[in-house]
Amino acid sequence: MDNLFKYALALHIIFIVTWFAGLFYIVRLFIYHTEAEQKMEPERSILQAQYKIMEKRLWYGITWPSMIITLIMGPWVMSYNFSYYITSAYFILKLCFVAALVLYHLQCHVMFKQLQNNIVKHSSFKLRLWNEVATVLLFAIVFLIVLKSNAGFVWGMLGLIIFSATLMLAIQIYKKSRDKSSNEKEIN
């Protein structure tokens, strides 16, 4: 039974990694897909058709299966010491962040369906911000699991807030430099 637990844990970790990889990459594809909207024809149609194919393969071939397997393996791992996990405040909080991650995934699915139907509702800037939500959730979940304490979580959350603020600042700086570069190209 000990080896079975280790295999379940290993699979859980592997599919968490592939799930996050899929979430990070799908939103990048959404950004590129959205930015292709600004291109002239036929470049726009060619790019958007290619992004649709890439998004569909990633979403249904990697991201959805990874989420499903993660959500199957997690309770399986948890079942080996259920009474400990279900009474640990840090773990309950971790489950709340996992629930937020599932909601994030479902919102990405809504965006995916919109883009597949040629509906562009979000700017690339908003999508860049949206892309960082998964990063924040990843930090929160990993810190909770590694630190296994509420006190450590407080410090971790403080670090997460600082990290999030730094990310937002970096995105703003990137946007300004990109806008400036774009304006300089138009002038020349």
C-alpha atoms as a PDB file:
ATOM      1  CA  MET A   1       0.000   0.000   0.000  1.00  0.00           C
ATOM      2  CA  ASP A   2       2.943   2.341   0.638  1.00  0.00           C
ATOM      3  CA  ASN A   3       4.151   1.996  -2.971  1.00  0.00           C
ATOM      4  CA  LEU A   4       0.624   2.558  -4.274  1.00  0.00           C
ATOM      5  CA  PHE A   5       0.491   5.820  -2.299  1.00  0.00           C
ATOM      6  CA  LYS A   6       3.826   6.917  -3.789  1.00  0.00           C
ATOM      7  CA  TYR A   7       2.621   6.171  -7.317  1.00  0.00           C
ATOM      8  CA  ALA A   8      -0.612   8.075  -6.683  1.00  0.00           C
ATOM      9  CA  LEU A   9       1.334  11.030  -5.267  1.00  0.00           C
ATOM     10  CA  ALA A  10       3.774  11.015  -8.192  1.00  0.00           C
ATOM     11  CA  LEU A  11       0.909  10.963 -10.705  1.00  0.00           C
ATOM     12  CA  HIS A  12      -0.877  13.715  -8.797  1.00  0.00           C
ATOM     13  CA  ILE A  13       2.221  15.938  -8.954  1.00  0.00           C
ATOM     14  CA  ILE A  14       2.879  15.145 -12.638  1.00  0.00           C
ATOM     15  CA  PHE A  15      -0.653  16.037 -13.664  1.00  0.00           C
ATOM     16  CA  ILE A  16      -0.628  19.203 -11.532  1.00  0.00           C
ATOM     17  CA  VAL A  17       2.443  20.275 -13.506  1.00  0.00           C
ATOM     18  CA  THR A  18       0.858  19.495 -16.883  1.00  0.00           C
ATOM     19  CA  TRP A  19      -2.398  21.176 -15.829  1.00  0.00           C
ATOM     20  CA  PHE A  20      -0.578  24.379 -14.919  1.00  0.00           C
ATOM     21  CA  ALA A  21       1.517  24.171 -18.091  1.00  0.00           C
ATOM     22  CA  GLY A  22      -1.694  23.959 -20.092  1.00  0.00           C
ATOM     23  CA  LEU A  23      -3.265  26.882 -18.223  1.00  0.00           C
ATOM     24  CA  PHE A  24      -0.186  29.057 -18.664  1.00  0.00           C
ATOM     25  CA  TYR A  25       0.131  28.284 -22.363  1.00  0.00           C
ATOM     26  CA  ILE A  26      -3.565  28.491 -23.280  1.00  0.00           C
ATOM     27  CA  VAL A  27      -3.815  32.080 -22.080  1.00  0.00           C
ATOM     28  CA  ARG A  28      -0.622  32.934 -24.028  1.00  0.00           C
ATOM     29  CA  LEU A  29      -2.343  31.522 -27.103  1.00  0.00           C
ATOM     30  CA  PHE A  30      -5.419  33.617 -26.289  1.00  0.00           C
ATOM     31  CA  ILE A  31      -3.174  36.693 -26.203  1.00  0.00           C
ATOM     32  CA  TYR A  32      -1.611  35.899 -29.587  1.00  0.00           C
ATOM     33  CA  HIS A  33      -5.018  35.009 -31.023  1.00  0.00           C
ATOM     34  CA  THR A  34      -6.423  38.337 -29.823  1.00  0.00           C
ATOM     35  CA  GLU A  35      -3.434  40.295 -31.124  1.00  0.00           C
ATOM     36  CA  ALA A  36      -3.884  38.651 -34.522  1.00  0.00           C
ATOM     37  CA  GLU A  37      -7.186  40.543 -34.707  1.00  0.00           C
ATOM     38  CA  GLN A  38      -5.119  43.702 -35.379  1.00  0.00           C
ATOM     39  CA  LYS A  39      -3.382  42.182 -38.416  1.00  0.00           C
ATOM     40  CA  MET A  40      -4.402  42.815 -42.003  1.00  0.00           C
ATOM     41  CA  GLU A  41      -5.972  40.092 -44.142  1.00  0.00           C
ATOM     42  CA  PRO A  42      -4.965  37.423 -45.118  1.00  0.00           C
ATOM     43  CA  GLU A  43      -2.466  37.322 -42.228  1.00  0.00           C
ATOM     44  CA  ARG A  44      -5.260  37.696 -39.635  1.00  0.00           C
ATOM     45  CA  SER A  45      -7.268  34.728 -40.911  1.00  0.00           C
ATOM     46  CA  ILE A  46      -4.220  32.522 -41.296  1.00  0.00           C
ATOM     47  CA  LEU A  47      -2.966  33.274 -37.778  1.00  0.00           C
ATOM     48  CA  GLN A  48      -6.346  32.933 -36.120  1.00  0.00           C
ATOM     49  CA  ALA A  49      -7.031  29.630 -37.874  1.00  0.00           C
ATOM     50  CA  GLN A  50      -3.674  28.307 -36.670  1.00  0.00           C
ATOM     51  CA  TYR A  51      -4.263  29.555 -33.109  1.00  0.00           C
ATOM     52  CA  LYS A  52      -7.664  27.843 -33.059  1.00  0.00           C
ATOM     53  CA  ILE A  53      -6.040  24.522 -33.937  1.00  0.00           C
ATOM     54  CA  MET A  54      -3.282  24.977 -31.349  1.00  0.00           C
ATOM     55  CA  GLU A  55      -5.763  26.029 -28.653  1.00  0.00           C
ATOM     56  CA  LYS A  56      -8.060  23.088 -29.357  1.00  0.00           C
ATOM     57  CA  ARG A  57      -5.243  20.516 -29.233  1.00  0.00           C
ATOM     58  CA  LEU A  58      -3.782  21.980 -26.047  1.00  0.00           C
ATOM     59  CA  TRP A  59      -7.120  22.437 -24.315  1.00  0.00           C
ATOM     60  CA  TYR A  60      -8.670  19.051 -25.037  1.00  0.00           C
ATOM     61  CA  GLY A  61      -5.472  17.024 -25.382  1.00  0.00           C
ATOM     62  CA  ILE A  62      -3.541  18.249 -22.335  1.00  0.00           C
ATOM     63  CA  THR A  63      -5.257  20.784 -20.105  1.00  0.00           C
ATOM     64  CA  TRP A  64      -8.675  19.186 -19.529  1.00  0.00           C
ATOM     65  CA  PRO A  65      -7.301  15.639 -19.089  1.00  0.00           C
ATOM     66  CA  SER A  66      -4.625  16.949 -16.698  1.00  0.00           C
ATOM     67  CA  MET A  67      -7.202  18.735 -14.565  1.00  0.00           C
ATOM     68  CA  ILE A  68      -9.449  15.678 -14.433  1.00  0.00           C
ATOM     69  CA  ILE A  69      -6.618  13.309 -13.497  1.00  0.00           C
ATOM     70  CA  THR A  70      -5.318  15.805 -10.898  1.00  0.00           C
ATOM     71  CA  LEU A  71      -8.773  15.992  -9.337  1.00  0.00           C
ATOM     72  CA  ILE A  72      -8.989  12.191  -9.258  1.00  0.00           C
ATOM     73  CA  MET A  73      -5.502  11.604  -7.879  1.00  0.00           C
ATOM     74  CA  GLY A  74      -5.781  14.341  -5.209  1.00  0.00           C
ATOM     75  CA  PRO A  75      -8.586  12.684  -3.236  1.00  0.00           C
ATOM     76  CA  TRP A  76      -6.881   9.322  -3.721  1.00  0.00           C
ATOM     77  CA  VAL A  77      -3.697  10.695  -2.107  1.00  0.00           C
ATOM     78  CA  MET A  78      -5.769  12.400   0.562  1.00  0.00           C
ATOM     79  CA  SER A  79      -7.543   9.121   1.394  1.00  0.00           C
ATOM     80  CA  TYR A  80      -4.311   7.712   2.847  1.00  0.00           C
ATOM     81  CA  ASN A  81      -4.529  10.126   5.779  1.00  0.00           C
ATOM     82  CA  PHE A  82      -7.988  11.619   5.417  1.00  0.00           C
ATOM     83  CA  SER A  83      -8.575  12.515   9.074  1.00  0.00           C
ATOM     84  CA  TYR A  84      -5.335  14.517   9.187  1.00  0.00           C
ATOM     85  CA  TYR A  85      -6.007  16.449   6.000  1.00  0.00           C
ATOM     86  CA  ILE A  86      -9.655  17.214   6.634  1.00  0.00           C
ATOM     87  CA  THR A  87      -8.885  18.678  10.073  1.00  0.00           C
ATOM     88  CA  SER A  88      -5.867  20.752   9.010  1.00  0.00           C
ATOM     89  CA  ALA A  89      -6.703  24.419   8.489  1.00  0.00           C
ATOM     90  CA  TYR A  90      -3.889  24.895   5.966  1.00  0.00           C
ATOM     91  CA  PHE A  91      -5.227  22.005   3.892  1.00  0.00           C
ATOM     92  CA  ILE A  92      -8.796  23.318   3.918  1.00  0.00           C
ATOM     93  CA  LEU A  93      -7.416  26.667   2.729  1.00  0.00           C
ATOM     94  CA  LYS A  94      -5.422  24.841   0.042  1.00  0.00           C
ATOM     95  CA  LEU A  95      -8.656  23.199  -1.139  1.00  0.00           C
ATOM     96  CA  CYS A  96     -10.216  26.664  -1.402  1.00  0.00           C
ATOM     97  CA  PHE A  97      -7.366  27.746  -3.677  1.00  0.00           C
ATOM     98  CA  VAL A  98      -7.795  24.554  -5.709  1.00  0.00           C
ATOM     99  CA  ALA A  99     -11.493  25.414  -6.065  1.00  0.00           C
ATOM    100  CA  ALA A 100     -10.446  28.878  -7.281  1.00  0.00           C
ATOM    101  CA  LEU A 101      -8.109  27.187  -9.760  1.00  0.00           C
ATOM    102  CA  VAL A 102     -10.965  25.052 -11.080  1.00  0.00           C
ATOM    103  CA  LEU A 103     -13.079  28.216 -11.482  1.00  0.00           C
ATOM    104  CA  TYR A 104     -10.141  29.837 -13.306  1.00  0.00           C
ATOM    105  CA  HIS A 105      -9.970  26.795 -15.590  1.00  0.00           C
ATOM    106  CA  LEU A 106     -13.708  27.014 -16.305  1.00  0.00           C
ATOM    107  CA  GLN A 107     -13.428  30.733 -17.108  1.00  0.00           C
ATOM    108  CA  CYS A 108     -10.574  29.903 -19.482  1.00  0.00           C
ATOM    109  CA  HIS A 109     -12.937  27.419 -21.116  1.00  0.00           C
ATOM    110  CA  VAL A 110     -15.468  30.202 -21.661  1.00  0.00           C
ATOM    111  CA  MET A 111     -12.740  32.317 -23.279  1.00  0.00           C
ATOM    112  CA  PHE A 112     -11.634  29.326 -25.361  1.00  0.00           C
ATOM    113  CA  LYS A 113     -15.171  28.782 -26.688  1.00  0.00           C
ATOM    114  CA  GLN A 114     -15.524  32.491 -27.497  1.00  0.00           C
ATOM    115  CA  LEU A 115     -12.298  32.569 -29.505  1.00  0.00           C
ATOM    116  CA  GLN A 116     -13.205  29.331 -31.268  1.00  0.00           C
ATOM    117  CA  ASN A 117     -16.418  31.120 -32.348  1.00  0.00           C
ATOM    118  CA  ASN A 118     -14.519  34.248 -33.504  1.00  0.00           C
ATOM    119  CA  ILE A 119     -15.675  36.313 -30.535  1.00  0.00           C
ATOM    120  CA  VAL A 120     -12.858  38.491 -29.212  1.00  0.00           C
ATOM    121  CA  LYS A 121     -14.057  40.014 -25.936  1.00  0.00           C
ATOM    122  CA  HIS A 122     -10.819  40.719 -24.082  1.00  0.00           C
ATOM    123  CA  SER A 123      -7.844  42.901 -24.904  1.00  0.00           C
ATOM    124  CA  SER A 124      -4.394  41.368 -24.925  1.00  0.00           C
ATOM    125  CA  PHE A 125      -3.571  43.510 -21.879  1.00  0.00           C
ATOM    126  CA  LYS A 126      -6.495  42.073 -19.879  1.00  0.00           C
ATOM    127  CA  LEU A 127      -5.451  38.593 -20.952  1.00  0.00           C
ATOM    128  CA  ARG A 128      -1.890  39.268 -19.778  1.00  0.00           C
ATOM    129  CA  LEU A 129      -3.296  40.175 -16.369  1.00  0.00           C
ATOM    130  CA  TRP A 130      -5.557  37.121 -16.448  1.00  0.00           C
ATOM    131  CA  ASN A 131      -2.530  34.934 -17.211  1.00  0.00           C
ATOM    132  CA  GLU A 132      -0.972  35.924 -13.888  1.00  0.00           C
ATOM    133  CA  VAL A 133      -3.948  34.678 -11.863  1.00  0.00           C
ATOM    134  CA  ALA A 134      -2.753  31.092 -12.380  1.00  0.00           C
ATOM    135  CA  THR A 135       0.709  32.117 -11.170  1.00  0.00           C
ATOM    136  CA  VAL A 136      -0.731  33.610  -7.993  1.00  0.00           C
ATOM    137  CA  LEU A 137      -2.814  30.477  -7.368  1.00  0.00           C
ATOM    138  CA  LEU A 138       0.231  28.279  -7.952  1.00  0.00           C
ATOM    139  CA  PHE A 139       2.258  30.236  -5.401  1.00  0.00           C
ATOM    140  CA  ALA A 140      -0.535  30.092  -2.827  1.00  0.00           C
ATOM    141  CA  ILE A 141      -1.092  26.341  -3.212  1.00  0.00           C
ATOM    142  CA  VAL A 142       2.593  25.404  -3.172  1.00  0.00           C
ATOM    143  CA  PHE A 143       3.377  27.580  -0.154  1.00  0.00           C
ATOM    144  CA  LEU A 144       0.462  26.093   1.773  1.00  0.00           C
ATOM    145  CA  ILE A 145       1.491  22.521   1.008  1.00  0.00           C
ATOM    146  CA  VAL A 146       5.186  23.060   1.708  1.00  0.00           C
ATOM    147  CA  LEU A 147       4.829  25.187   4.856  1.00  0.00           C
ATOM    148  CA  LYS A 148       1.854  23.240   6.275  1.00  0.00           C
ATOM    149  CA  SER A 149       1.056  25.986   8.740  1.00  0.00           C
ATOM    150  CA  ASN A 150      -1.191  28.965   9.099  1.00  0.00           C
ATOM    151  CA  ALA A 151       1.610  31.162  10.494  1.00  0.00           C
ATOM    152  CA  GLY A 152       3.793  30.298   7.534  1.00  0.00           C
ATOM    153  CA  PHE A 153       0.805  30.959   5.336  1.00  0.00           C
ATOM    154  CA  VAL A 154       0.481  34.523   6.648  1.00  0.00           C
ATOM    155  CA  TRP A 155       4.096  35.215   5.659  1.00  0.00           C
ATOM    156  CA  GLY A 156       3.553  33.367   2.419  1.00  0.00           C
ATOM    157  CA  MET A 157       0.477  35.482   1.639  1.00  0.00           C
ATOM    158  CA  LEU A 158       2.411  38.650   2.390  1.00  0.00           C
ATOM    159  CA  GLY A 159       5.067  37.460  -0.047  1.00  0.00           C
ATOM    160  CA  LEU A 160       2.302  36.557  -2.510  1.00  0.00           C
ATOM    161  CA  ILE A 161       0.843  40.063  -2.291  1.00  0.00           C
ATOM    162  CA  ILE A 162       4.274  41.585  -2.874  1.00  0.00           C
ATOM    163  CA  PHE A 163       4.879  39.135  -5.727  1.00  0.00           C
ATOM    164  CA  SER A 164       1.478  39.978  -7.274  1.00  0.00           C
ATOM    165  CA  ALA A 165       2.130  43.712  -7.002  1.00  0.00           C
ATOM    166  CA  THR A 166       5.534  43.225  -8.643  1.00  0.00           C
ATOM    167  CA  LEU A 167       3.920  41.218 -11.454  1.00  0.00           C
ATOM    168  CA  MET A 168       1.318  43.927 -12.038  1.00  0.00           C
ATOM    169  CA  LEU A 169       4.012  46.585 -12.104  1.00  0.00           C
ATOM    170  CA  ALA A 170       6.074  44.533 -14.569  1.00  0.00           C
ATOM    171  CA  ILE A 171       3.024  44.080 -16.815  1.00  0.00           C
ATOM    172  CA  GLN A 172       2.342  47.834 -16.731  1.00  0.00           C
ATOM    173  CA  ILE A 173       5.976  48.615 -17.600  1.00  0.00           C
ATOM    174  CA  TYR A 174       5.905  46.061 -20.419  1.00  0.00           C
ATOM    175  CA  LYS A 175       2.662  47.547 -21.774  1.00  0.00           C
ATOM    176  CA  LYS A 176       4.086  51.077 -21.736  1.00  0.00           C
ATOM    177  CA  SER A 177       7.313  50.024 -23.461  1.00  0.00           C
ATOM    178  CA  ARG A 178       5.337  48.062 -26.031  1.00  0.00           C
ATOM    179  CA  ASP A 179       3.005  50.996 -26.682  1.00  0.00           C
ATOM    180  CA  LYS A 180       5.998  53.324 -26.978  1.00  0.00           C
ATOM    181  CA  SER A 181       7.714  50.960 -29.415  1.00  0.00           C
ATOM    182  CA  SER A 182       4.527  50.659 -31.447  1.00  0.00           C
ATOM    183  CA  ASN A 183       4.130  54.442 -31.593  1.00  0.00           C
ATOM    184  CA  GLU A 184       7.743  54.879 -32.728  1.00  0.00           C
ATOM    185  CA  LYS A 185       7.194  52.376 -35.563  1.00  0.00           C
ATOM    186  CA  GLU A 186       4.127  54.299 -36.711  1.00  0.00           C
ATOM    187  CA  ILE A 187       6.064  57.582 -36.756  1.00  0.00           C
ATOM    188  CA  ASN A 188       8.885  56.117 -38.806  1.00  0.00           C
END
